[in-house]
């Protein structure tokens, strides 16, 4: 019970920021700019307000556990609930297309980062952390990889900060850039967002920004599938990195159960729930009427959006720019180049897939 009470202040703060962000989005978009639907995303305001409060207001330890809880568990709940938007056909279709795209991006990033460390003289540990954080799933990949390569705490902190800042930039910019580059092709945009942005939260937020700006949910759906497929590559890449790092020494102790992103299973279960519900209720007329089923779907969609907005507010609260500033510039340069390379590799590969008729 004490643990629950310890998390309440931080969760409440993140939720309050979401409420203010939602109000501000409507105020600016509808009342001031005169749009029927606000062109400025609630998610965007959530993370901006979170960053401002986190860096200019001294919050204290009272809020830290709840903020961490929101970033980890509220985020995962939001991602699981995203599955209600999709059918199994969507998962198979975009999952199969995304696998070769993800592999290409991973290989290109690792080659580029390994080349850069010979030029900029940063530690192998830092290079591994930046490479896996950029190519797989951001901070969670970094934290999971750190023990198997004996990375120092300072290296982990820097790598996480590095990935966070470039991921946030991509989250804000890529919905608009991709819309232009792919001429509004939502399948291509979703694949790009799902492979070019680092963190799962940032991908989800970017997809929500696109949905709220361009009134199209498809990018969020495709990018979420792509990112979750990308996350599962942790199972392969962490043991591989551990092997290369420890091949001349005693192997590090790590467990697949510690690194596997189990919220992916929850996401798939929600997809199955939606697919089964559509078949049994809409086609067979069982259990409840069509209108009630539609209300259930809309309720879960709304809950997913709230969870993700709260998580992004918490992510903003936990982003410390002072910490980033004190850590030197060379790994930062590597992180910037790696972020650019993964985006460029994704762009070229998707354009190639479009040319072959694989993405339409």
Protein backbone atom coordinates (compact mmCIF):
# COMPACT_ATOMS: atom_id res chain seq x y z
CA UNK A 1 0.00 0.00 0.00
CA UNK A 2 2.86 2.39 0.80
CA UNK A 3 4.28 1.88 -2.70
CA UNK A 4 0.95 2.93 -4.19
CA UNK A 5 0.85 6.11 -2.10
CA UNK A 6 4.49 6.85 -3.02
CA UNK A 7 3.62 6.85 -6.72
CA UNK A 8 0.48 9.01 -6.43
CA UNK A 9 2.11 12.50 -6.38
CA UNK A 10 4.15 11.91 -9.55
CA UNK A 11 1.28 10.25 -11.43
CA UNK A 12 -1.09 13.02 -10.33
CA UNK A 13 1.36 15.68 -11.53
CA UNK A 14 1.75 14.00 -14.93
CA UNK A 15 -2.04 13.65 -15.20
CA UNK A 16 -2.52 17.31 -14.26
CA UNK A 17 -0.03 18.32 -16.97
CA UNK A 18 -2.03 16.23 -19.45
CA UNK A 19 -5.25 18.04 -18.44
CA UNK A 20 -3.59 21.44 -18.86
CA UNK A 21 -2.13 20.33 -22.20
CA UNK A 22 -5.53 19.11 -23.42
CA UNK A 23 -7.16 22.39 -22.39
CA UNK A 24 -4.36 24.43 -23.99
CA UNK A 25 -4.63 22.43 -27.22
CA UNK A 26 -8.34 23.21 -27.49
CA UNK A 27 -7.86 26.83 -26.40
CA UNK A 28 -5.17 27.57 -28.97
CA UNK A 29 -6.51 25.42 -31.81
CA UNK A 30 -10.26 26.02 -31.52
CA UNK A 31 -10.81 29.28 -29.64
CA UNK A 32 -7.81 31.29 -30.86
CA UNK A 33 -7.07 29.82 -34.32
CA UNK A 34 -10.69 28.95 -35.07
CA UNK A 35 -10.25 25.34 -36.21
CA UNK A 36 -12.99 22.75 -35.66
CA UNK A 37 -10.33 20.33 -34.40
CA UNK A 38 -7.15 21.70 -32.83
CA UNK A 39 -4.15 21.45 -35.19
CA UNK A 40 -1.79 21.45 -32.17
CA UNK A 41 -1.43 18.11 -30.44
CA UNK A 42 -2.22 17.47 -26.77
CA UNK A 43 0.78 15.12 -26.71
CA UNK A 44 3.00 17.93 -27.97
CA UNK A 45 1.88 20.26 -25.18
CA UNK A 46 2.18 17.44 -22.61
CA UNK A 47 5.87 16.84 -23.25
CA UNK A 48 6.71 20.55 -23.64
CA UNK A 49 5.01 21.45 -20.35
CA UNK A 50 6.69 18.45 -18.72
CA UNK A 51 10.14 19.55 -19.92
CA UNK A 52 9.58 23.13 -18.74
CA UNK A 53 8.39 22.08 -15.28
CA UNK A 54 11.06 19.39 -14.94
CA UNK A 55 13.89 21.79 -15.75
CA UNK A 56 12.70 25.03 -14.13
CA UNK A 57 10.79 23.83 -11.04
CA UNK A 58 12.46 21.96 -8.18
CA UNK A 59 10.08 19.06 -7.63
CA UNK A 60 11.88 16.97 -5.02
CA UNK A 61 11.86 13.24 -4.36
CA UNK A 62 8.13 13.20 -3.56
CA UNK A 63 7.31 13.07 -7.26
CA UNK A 64 10.14 10.86 -8.56
CA UNK A 65 8.57 7.42 -8.03
CA UNK A 66 5.31 8.41 -9.67
CA UNK A 67 7.11 9.99 -12.62
CA UNK A 68 9.16 6.82 -13.11
CA UNK A 69 5.98 4.72 -12.79
CA UNK A 70 4.27 6.82 -15.47
CA UNK A 71 7.18 6.56 -17.90
CA UNK A 72 7.41 2.79 -17.46
CA UNK A 73 3.98 1.37 -16.66
CA UNK A 74 1.42 3.97 -17.75
CA UNK A 75 3.26 4.12 -21.08
CA UNK A 76 3.09 0.33 -21.48
CA UNK A 77 -0.60 0.31 -20.62
CA UNK A 78 -1.17 2.97 -23.28
CA UNK A 79 0.71 0.90 -25.86
CA UNK A 80 -1.21 -2.27 -24.93
CA UNK A 81 -4.50 -0.39 -25.36
CA UNK A 82 -3.35 0.83 -28.79
CA UNK A 83 -3.95 -2.74 -29.95
CA UNK A 84 -7.71 -2.09 -29.91
CA UNK A 85 -7.24 -0.03 -33.08
CA UNK A 86 -5.93 -2.97 -35.11
CA UNK A 87 -6.85 -6.36 -36.53
CA UNK A 88 -4.56 -9.37 -36.88
CA UNK A 89 -4.45 -8.72 -40.62
CA UNK A 90 -2.90 -5.29 -39.98
CA UNK A 91 -0.24 -6.82 -37.72
CA UNK A 92 0.72 -9.53 -40.23
CA UNK A 93 0.72 -7.11 -43.16
CA UNK A 94 2.90 -4.38 -41.67
CA UNK A 95 4.90 -6.68 -39.40
CA UNK A 96 6.18 -8.67 -42.36
CA UNK A 97 7.07 -5.52 -44.32
CA UNK A 98 8.83 -3.92 -41.36
CA UNK A 99 11.23 -6.80 -40.58
CA UNK A 100 13.59 -6.33 -43.58
CA UNK A 101 13.40 -2.55 -43.11
CA UNK A 102 14.37 -2.87 -39.43
CA UNK A 103 17.27 -5.23 -40.21
CA UNK A 104 18.67 -2.82 -42.81
CA UNK A 105 18.46 0.12 -40.37
CA UNK A 106 20.14 -1.87 -37.56
CA UNK A 107 23.03 -3.01 -39.75
CA UNK A 108 23.64 0.47 -41.20
CA UNK A 109 23.62 2.17 -37.77
CA UNK A 110 26.02 -0.36 -36.22
CA UNK A 111 28.48 -0.02 -39.12
CA UNK A 112 28.38 3.80 -38.96
CA UNK A 113 28.76 3.96 -35.16
CA UNK A 114 31.65 1.48 -35.17
CA UNK A 115 33.37 3.63 -37.81
CA UNK A 116 32.78 6.86 -35.88
CA UNK A 117 34.32 5.63 -32.62
CA UNK A 118 37.64 5.04 -34.38
CA UNK A 119 37.60 8.68 -35.51
CA UNK A 120 36.23 10.37 -32.38
CA UNK A 121 37.89 8.09 -29.79
CA UNK A 122 34.91 7.36 -27.58
CA UNK A 123 34.70 4.21 -25.47
CA UNK A 124 33.46 0.93 -27.00
CA UNK A 125 30.87 0.75 -24.22
CA UNK A 126 29.43 4.13 -25.18
CA UNK A 127 29.38 3.15 -28.85
CA UNK A 128 27.45 -0.05 -28.11
CA UNK A 129 24.91 1.87 -26.02
CA UNK A 130 24.34 4.55 -28.66
CA UNK A 131 24.12 1.95 -31.43
CA UNK A 132 21.51 -0.22 -29.72
CA UNK A 133 19.58 2.77 -28.37
CA UNK A 134 19.35 4.31 -31.84
CA UNK A 135 18.63 1.14 -33.79
CA UNK A 136 16.31 -0.78 -31.42
CA UNK A 137 14.28 0.95 -28.72
CA UNK A 138 15.99 3.84 -27.03
CA UNK A 139 16.53 4.04 -23.28
CA UNK A 140 15.13 0.60 -22.47
CA UNK A 141 17.61 -1.02 -24.88
CA UNK A 142 20.46 1.01 -23.36
CA UNK A 143 19.55 0.06 -19.79
CA UNK A 144 19.14 -3.61 -20.77
CA UNK A 145 22.48 -3.70 -22.62
CA UNK A 146 24.58 -1.84 -20.03
CA UNK A 147 25.10 -4.78 -17.61
CA UNK A 148 26.25 -7.22 -20.30
CA UNK A 149 28.99 -4.85 -21.55
CA UNK A 150 30.02 -3.47 -18.12
CA UNK A 151 29.07 0.11 -19.03
CA UNK A 152 29.66 2.79 -16.39
CA UNK A 153 26.70 4.62 -14.87
CA UNK A 154 27.86 7.91 -16.42
CA UNK A 155 27.96 6.27 -19.86
CA UNK A 156 24.44 4.92 -19.42
CA UNK A 157 23.15 8.33 -18.28
CA UNK A 158 24.77 10.11 -21.22
CA UNK A 159 23.55 7.55 -23.75
CA UNK A 160 19.98 7.77 -22.43
CA UNK A 161 20.09 11.59 -22.51
CA UNK A 162 21.55 11.46 -26.01
CA UNK A 163 18.85 9.14 -27.31
CA UNK A 164 16.11 11.08 -25.54
CA UNK A 165 16.97 14.48 -26.99
CA UNK A 166 17.31 13.28 -30.60
CA UNK A 167 14.23 11.12 -30.23
CA UNK A 168 12.23 14.11 -29.01
CA UNK A 169 13.42 16.18 -31.97
CA UNK A 170 12.37 13.40 -34.33
CA UNK A 171 9.05 13.06 -32.55
CA UNK A 172 8.25 16.73 -33.18
CA UNK A 173 9.65 17.02 -36.72
CA UNK A 174 9.13 13.69 -38.47
CA UNK A 175 5.31 13.75 -38.72
CA UNK A 176 5.54 16.90 -40.85
CA UNK A 177 8.71 15.96 -42.76
CA UNK A 178 7.44 12.45 -43.55
CA UNK A 179 4.08 13.79 -44.71
CA UNK A 180 5.92 15.84 -47.33
CA UNK A 181 8.54 13.21 -48.29
CA UNK A 182 5.98 10.43 -48.74
CA UNK A 183 3.21 12.66 -50.12
CA UNK A 184 0.72 11.66 -47.43
CA UNK A 185 1.16 7.88 -47.92
CA UNK A 186 0.23 6.76 -44.41
CA UNK A 187 1.72 3.26 -44.72
CA UNK A 188 5.11 4.67 -45.71
CA UNK A 189 4.92 7.42 -43.08
CA UNK A 190 4.07 4.88 -40.37
CA UNK A 191 6.97 2.62 -41.36
CA UNK A 192 9.31 5.62 -41.33
CA UNK A 193 8.18 6.90 -37.93
CA UNK A 194 8.36 3.39 -36.47
CA UNK A 195 11.97 2.87 -37.59
CA UNK A 196 13.47 6.38 -37.47
CA UNK A 197 12.43 7.47 -33.95
CA UNK A 198 14.17 5.88 -30.98
CA UNK A 199 11.75 5.42 -28.06
CA UNK A 200 8.45 3.55 -28.11
CA UNK A 201 6.83 6.48 -26.30
CA UNK A 202 8.20 8.92 -28.87
CA UNK A 203 6.93 6.79 -31.76
CA UNK A 204 3.47 6.61 -30.21
CA UNK A 205 3.49 10.35 -29.53
CA UNK A 206 4.64 11.10 -33.07
CA UNK A 207 1.84 8.95 -34.46
CA UNK A 208 -0.66 10.77 -32.24
CA UNK A 209 0.71 14.13 -33.38
CA UNK A 210 0.20 13.04 -37.00
CA UNK A 211 -3.32 11.82 -36.25
CA UNK A 212 -4.25 15.06 -34.50
CA UNK A 213 -2.59 17.29 -37.11
CA UNK A 214 -3.73 15.48 -40.26
CA UNK A 215 -6.84 13.71 -38.93
CA UNK A 216 -5.58 10.24 -39.93
CA UNK A 217 -5.04 7.45 -37.36
CA UNK A 218 -3.32 5.06 -39.78
CA UNK A 219 0.19 6.38 -39.14
CA UNK A 220 -0.15 5.70 -35.41
CA UNK A 221 -1.33 2.16 -36.09
CA UNK A 222 1.41 1.28 -38.61
CA UNK A 223 4.20 2.97 -36.64
CA UNK A 224 3.15 1.18 -33.44
CA UNK A 225 3.26 -2.24 -35.11
CA UNK A 226 6.63 -1.42 -36.69
CA UNK A 227 8.10 -0.19 -33.42
CA UNK A 228 6.91 -3.20 -31.44
CA UNK A 229 8.41 -5.55 -34.03
CA UNK A 230 11.62 -3.51 -33.77
CA UNK A 231 11.59 -3.85 -29.97
CA UNK A 232 11.58 -7.64 -30.18
CA UNK A 233 15.00 -7.48 -31.86
CA UNK A 234 16.36 -6.89 -28.35
CA UNK A 235 16.20 -10.65 -27.90
CA UNK A 236 18.77 -11.07 -30.68
CA UNK A 237 20.88 -7.93 -30.37
CA UNK A 238 21.66 -7.91 -26.64
CA UNK A 239 23.09 -11.46 -26.60
CA UNK A 240 24.98 -10.59 -29.81
CA UNK A 241 26.46 -7.43 -28.28
CA UNK A 242 27.28 -9.40 -25.13
CA UNK A 243 29.10 -12.01 -27.21
CA UNK A 244 31.19 -9.47 -29.14
CA UNK A 245 32.05 -7.51 -26.01
CA UNK A 246 32.78 -10.51 -23.78
CA UNK A 247 34.21 -12.97 -26.30
CA UNK A 248 37.68 -12.61 -24.80
CA UNK A 249 36.48 -12.69 -21.21
CA UNK A 250 34.00 -14.51 -19.00
CA UNK A 251 30.47 -14.01 -20.32
CA UNK A 252 28.25 -11.59 -18.51
CA UNK A 253 25.16 -12.75 -16.66
CA UNK A 254 21.95 -11.77 -18.40
CA UNK A 255 18.49 -13.24 -18.79
CA UNK A 256 16.14 -13.20 -21.76
CA UNK A 257 13.23 -12.71 -19.34
CA UNK A 258 14.80 -9.44 -18.18
CA UNK A 259 15.18 -7.96 -21.66
CA UNK A 260 12.08 -9.18 -23.49
CA UNK A 261 9.49 -6.38 -23.87
CA UNK A 262 6.48 -8.27 -22.47
CA UNK A 263 4.05 -5.42 -23.14
CA UNK A 264 4.26 -6.55 -26.79
CA UNK A 265 2.33 -9.66 -25.69
CA UNK A 266 -0.34 -7.44 -24.16
CA UNK A 267 -0.55 -5.44 -27.38
CA UNK A 268 -1.04 -8.62 -29.43
CA UNK A 269 -3.70 -9.87 -26.99
CA UNK A 270 -5.59 -6.60 -27.45
CA UNK A 271 -5.36 -7.01 -31.24
CA UNK A 272 -6.78 -10.54 -30.88
CA UNK A 273 -9.55 -9.17 -28.64
CA UNK A 274 -10.48 -6.59 -31.31
CA UNK A 275 -10.34 -9.16 -34.13
CA UNK A 276 -12.44 -11.70 -32.21
CA UNK A 277 -14.89 -9.00 -31.13
CA UNK A 278 -15.38 -7.73 -34.67
CA UNK A 279 -16.05 -11.26 -35.91
CA UNK A 280 -18.32 -12.46 -33.10
CA UNK A 281 -20.23 -9.22 -32.52
CA UNK A 282 -20.36 -7.52 -35.93
CA UNK A 283 -20.57 -10.65 -38.09
CA UNK A 284 -22.26 -13.20 -35.81
CA UNK A 285 -24.36 -10.87 -33.64
CA UNK A 286 -23.21 -12.43 -30.35
CA UNK A 287 -22.84 -10.98 -26.81
CA UNK A 288 -23.59 -7.26 -27.34
CA UNK A 289 -25.00 -5.03 -30.07
CA UNK A 290 -22.84 -3.24 -32.63
CA UNK A 291 -23.33 0.19 -31.06
CA UNK A 292 -22.15 -0.97 -27.63
CA UNK A 293 -19.10 -2.66 -29.18
CA UNK A 294 -18.27 0.60 -30.96
CA UNK A 295 -18.53 2.46 -27.64
CA UNK A 296 -16.16 -0.05 -25.99
CA UNK A 297 -13.63 0.44 -28.79
CA UNK A 298 -13.87 4.24 -28.56
CA UNK A 299 -13.50 4.14 -24.77
CA UNK A 300 -10.33 2.04 -24.99
CA UNK A 301 -8.94 4.30 -27.75
CA UNK A 302 -9.54 7.33 -25.54
CA UNK A 303 -7.91 5.60 -22.55
CA UNK A 304 -4.88 4.78 -24.69
CA UNK A 305 -4.48 8.41 -25.75
CA UNK A 306 -4.74 9.62 -22.14
CA UNK A 307 -2.17 7.06 -20.92
CA UNK A 308 0.29 8.03 -23.65
CA UNK A 309 -0.16 11.75 -22.98
CA UNK A 310 0.39 11.22 -19.24
CA UNK A 311 3.49 9.14 -20.00
CA UNK A 312 4.88 11.83 -22.29
CA UNK A 313 4.32 14.48 -19.62
CA UNK A 314 6.30 12.27 -17.23
CA UNK A 315 9.01 11.76 -19.84
CA UNK A 316 9.31 15.53 -20.13
CA UNK A 317 9.52 15.85 -16.34
CA UNK A 318 12.40 13.35 -16.27
CA UNK A 319 14.41 15.00 -19.08
CA UNK A 320 17.29 16.90 -17.44
CA UNK A 321 19.05 19.32 -19.79
CA UNK A 322 21.69 20.26 -17.18
CA UNK A 323 22.81 16.64 -17.03
CA UNK A 324 23.13 16.54 -20.81
CA UNK A 325 25.17 19.76 -20.89
CA UNK A 326 27.92 18.52 -18.57
CA UNK A 327 28.92 15.40 -20.52
CA UNK A 328 31.07 16.56 -23.42
CA UNK A 329 30.31 16.67 -27.11
CA UNK A 330 31.88 13.68 -28.90
CA UNK A 331 29.27 11.03 -27.98
CA UNK A 332 26.65 13.68 -28.70
CA UNK A 333 28.03 14.01 -32.24
CA UNK A 334 27.91 10.23 -32.65
CA UNK A 335 24.31 10.20 -31.42
CA UNK A 336 23.35 12.96 -33.85
CA UNK A 337 24.95 11.20 -36.83
CA UNK A 338 23.43 7.85 -35.80
CA UNK A 339 19.97 9.43 -35.54
CA UNK A 340 20.39 11.01 -38.97
CA UNK A 341 21.69 7.77 -40.50
CA UNK A 342 18.84 5.61 -39.18
CA UNK A 343 16.33 8.13 -40.55
CA UNK A 344 18.07 8.35 -43.93
CA UNK A 345 18.44 4.56 -44.21
CA UNK A 346 14.75 4.16 -43.36
CA UNK A 347 13.77 6.80 -45.93
CA UNK A 348 15.78 5.25 -48.77
CA UNK A 349 14.65 1.71 -47.96
CA UNK A 350 10.96 2.67 -47.84
CA UNK A 351 11.29 4.56 -51.14
CA UNK A 352 12.87 1.41 -52.58
CA UNK A 353 10.00 -0.70 -51.24
CA UNK A 354 7.54 1.73 -52.82
CA UNK A 355 9.35 1.37 -56.14
CA UNK A 356 8.99 -2.41 -55.88
CA UNK A 357 5.31 -2.09 -55.02
CA UNK A 358 5.76 -3.49 -51.48
CA UNK A 359 4.39 -0.36 -49.80
CA UNK A 360 1.25 1.23 -51.17
